[in-house]
Amino acid sequence: MEQTIVSETGFRVIGIEARTSNAREMAGAGRIAQLWARFFKDNTLTRIPGRRDDAIVAVYTEYAGDQDGEYTLVIGARVGASAEVPSGMVAKVVPAGRYAVFTSGKGPVEKVVPQVWQKIWSLASSELGGPRAFVADYEVYDSRAANPRDAQVDVYLGIR
């Protein structure tokens, strides 16, 4: 698993959202799988106006503290600043800042993404490149994730 540090200029995302926590997800009462299912069932990506590219972006934001608290997950796409928010969707901003970027191995998306997060949770702040900011983290599902059975995903972790 590769890791680099980048300076992000910030961007806006439009998509669908759910509020959850890691404890809820681990207990089998999670909302993430349902949100992904809804995203694909409703063809959400094609309904997002002003997309900057074809990548799906999953943003973790509005943290209630740290990784143990609740957070909001938005699954959508990068859009321009003036893109209208369709009914039933939300817009969120991923702020400019420093991000540690972790690139997953290749494999089934439902396996490689949790592996990246397990690795992130096991690392000390010094190994991440700094303490986590808990403002916004995000995953990018670009052309390397077009085949969900053999996907590669980048996870951007906000750091101070």
Protein backbone atom coordinates (compact mmCIF):
# COMPACT_ATOMS: atom_id res chain seq x y z
CA MET A 1 0.00 0.00 0.00
CA GLU A 2 1.55 3.27 -1.14
CA GLN A 3 1.38 6.50 0.87
CA THR A 4 2.19 10.09 -0.14
CA ILE A 5 1.40 13.56 1.24
CA VAL A 6 -0.33 16.10 -1.02
CA SER A 7 -1.62 19.66 -0.71
CA GLU A 8 -5.25 19.72 -1.84
CA THR A 9 -6.69 22.99 -3.15
CA GLY A 10 -10.21 22.02 -2.07
CA PHE A 11 -13.29 21.15 -4.09
CA ARG A 12 -17.06 20.80 -3.93
CA VAL A 13 -18.97 17.51 -4.05
CA ILE A 14 -22.64 16.85 -4.79
CA GLY A 15 -24.15 13.51 -3.85
CA ILE A 16 -26.31 11.59 -1.40
CA GLU A 17 -25.57 11.36 2.31
CA ALA A 18 -26.00 9.26 5.44
CA ARG A 19 -24.97 9.77 9.05
CA THR A 20 -23.24 6.81 10.72
CA SER A 21 -20.36 5.72 12.92
CA ASN A 22 -17.67 3.06 12.72
CA ALA A 23 -19.25 1.28 15.73
CA ARG A 24 -22.62 1.15 13.93
CA GLU A 25 -20.95 -0.15 10.75
CA MET A 26 -19.01 -2.86 12.63
CA ALA A 27 -22.13 -3.96 14.54
CA GLY A 28 -23.95 -4.81 11.32
CA ALA A 29 -26.42 -1.92 11.62
CA GLY A 30 -24.49 0.33 9.26
CA ARG A 31 -25.68 2.64 6.57
CA ILE A 32 -22.69 2.68 4.22
CA ALA A 33 -23.63 -0.43 2.19
CA GLN A 34 -27.21 0.85 1.87
CA LEU A 35 -25.99 4.26 0.69
CA TRP A 36 -23.77 2.67 -1.97
CA ALA A 37 -26.66 0.44 -3.11
CA ARG A 38 -28.94 3.48 -3.40
CA PHE A 39 -26.23 5.42 -5.26
CA PHE A 40 -26.02 2.75 -7.97
CA LYS A 41 -29.73 1.81 -8.03
CA ASP A 42 -30.76 5.44 -8.59
CA ASN A 43 -27.97 6.14 -11.13
CA THR A 44 -26.96 9.03 -8.91
CA LEU A 45 -23.72 9.80 -10.74
CA THR A 46 -25.54 10.53 -14.01
CA ARG A 47 -27.91 12.92 -12.21
CA ILE A 48 -25.16 15.13 -10.76
CA PRO A 49 -24.83 18.33 -12.81
CA GLY A 50 -21.51 20.01 -13.57
CA ARG A 51 -19.31 16.99 -12.83
CA ARG A 52 -15.60 17.74 -13.16
CA ASP A 53 -14.77 14.14 -14.14
CA ASP A 54 -16.19 10.63 -14.11
CA ALA A 55 -14.75 9.63 -10.71
CA ILE A 56 -17.00 8.76 -7.80
CA VAL A 57 -15.93 10.51 -4.61
CA ALA A 58 -16.95 9.32 -1.13
CA VAL A 59 -16.44 12.08 1.45
CA TYR A 60 -16.36 11.53 5.21
CA THR A 61 -17.11 14.81 6.97
CA GLU A 62 -18.91 16.48 9.89
CA TYR A 63 -17.02 14.33 12.38
CA ALA A 64 -18.33 14.33 15.95
CA GLY A 65 -14.83 14.17 17.40
CA ASP A 66 -12.60 11.43 16.04
CA GLN A 67 -12.92 8.02 14.34
CA ASP A 68 -15.03 6.79 17.26
CA GLY A 69 -17.77 9.39 16.81
CA GLU A 70 -20.47 9.85 14.20
CA TYR A 71 -19.72 11.29 10.78
CA THR A 72 -21.53 12.07 7.55
CA LEU A 73 -20.70 10.11 4.41
CA VAL A 74 -21.50 11.72 1.04
CA ILE A 75 -21.18 9.61 -2.11
CA GLY A 76 -21.12 11.72 -5.25
CA ALA A 77 -18.82 13.57 -7.62
CA ARG A 78 -16.61 16.65 -7.81
CA VAL A 79 -18.53 19.58 -9.28
CA GLY A 80 -18.02 23.20 -10.18
CA ALA A 81 -18.78 25.93 -7.66
CA SER A 82 -22.00 26.97 -9.39
CA ALA A 83 -23.50 23.49 -9.95
CA GLU A 84 -27.14 23.29 -8.81
CA VAL A 85 -27.92 20.72 -6.12
CA PRO A 86 -30.65 18.35 -7.35
CA SER A 87 -33.56 17.49 -5.09
CA GLY A 88 -32.65 14.76 -2.62
CA MET A 89 -28.92 15.51 -2.83
CA VAL A 90 -26.50 17.65 -0.83
CA ALA A 91 -23.37 19.67 -1.52
CA LYS A 92 -20.29 19.56 0.72
CA VAL A 93 -16.88 21.19 0.46
CA VAL A 94 -13.63 19.31 0.90
CA PRO A 95 -11.38 22.05 2.26
CA ALA A 96 -7.89 22.89 1.09
CA GLY A 97 -5.20 21.34 3.23
CA ARG A 98 -2.72 18.53 3.69
CA TYR A 99 -3.83 14.99 2.93
CA ALA A 100 -2.05 11.66 3.34
CA VAL A 101 -2.94 9.59 0.29
CA PHE A 102 -3.11 5.82 0.62
CA THR A 103 -3.44 3.72 -2.53
CA SER A 104 -5.06 0.35 -2.04
CA GLY A 105 -3.90 -2.90 -3.49
CA LYS A 106 -5.93 -4.33 -6.39
CA GLY A 107 -8.84 -6.62 -5.74
CA PRO A 108 -12.53 -6.70 -4.84
CA VAL A 109 -13.56 -3.19 -3.76
CA GLU A 110 -15.35 -4.52 -0.66
CA LYS A 111 -12.02 -6.03 0.44
CA VAL A 112 -9.38 -3.47 -0.58
CA VAL A 113 -11.13 -0.37 0.83
CA PRO A 114 -11.59 -1.77 4.36
CA GLN A 115 -7.96 -2.95 4.25
CA VAL A 116 -6.80 0.63 3.64
CA TRP A 117 -8.90 1.93 6.54
CA GLN A 118 -7.62 -0.84 8.85
CA LYS A 119 -4.06 0.21 7.95
CA ILE A 120 -4.86 3.88 8.58
CA TRP A 121 -6.37 3.12 11.99
CA SER A 122 -3.24 1.13 12.96
CA LEU A 123 -0.79 3.96 12.20
CA ALA A 124 0.53 6.56 14.66
CA SER A 125 0.22 10.26 13.77
CA SER A 126 3.91 10.38 12.89
CA GLU A 127 3.40 7.55 10.38
CA LEU A 128 0.42 9.35 8.82
CA GLY A 129 2.41 12.53 8.25
CA GLY A 130 0.72 14.38 11.11
CA PRO A 131 -2.32 14.18 13.39
CA ARG A 132 -5.65 13.58 11.66
CA ALA A 133 -7.71 16.73 11.12
CA PHE A 134 -11.15 15.05 11.29
CA VAL A 135 -12.59 17.69 8.96
CA ALA A 136 -12.81 15.74 5.69
CA ASP A 137 -11.39 12.48 4.37
CA TYR A 138 -12.32 11.04 1.01
CA GLU A 139 -12.02 8.07 -1.33
CA VAL A 140 -11.62 8.38 -5.09
CA TYR A 141 -13.07 5.68 -7.32
CA ASP A 142 -11.67 6.55 -10.76
CA SER A 143 -11.04 4.41 -13.86
CA ARG A 144 -8.91 2.02 -11.77
CA ALA A 145 -12.12 1.08 -9.91
CA ALA A 146 -14.27 0.55 -13.01
CA ASN A 147 -14.18 -3.21 -12.40
CA PRO A 148 -15.35 -3.66 -8.78
CA ARG A 149 -13.84 -7.18 -8.72
CA ASP A 150 -10.34 -5.81 -9.53
CA ALA A 151 -10.38 -2.26 -8.19
CA GLN A 152 -7.74 0.12 -6.89
CA VAL A 153 -8.82 3.12 -4.80
CA ASP A 154 -7.12 6.19 -3.32
CA VAL A 155 -8.01 7.24 0.22
CA TYR A 156 -7.21 10.86 1.16
CA LEU A 157 -6.85 11.39 4.90
CA GLY A 158 -6.96 14.99 6.15
CA ILE A 159 -3.95 15.76 8.37
CA ARG A 160 -2.79 18.82 10.25
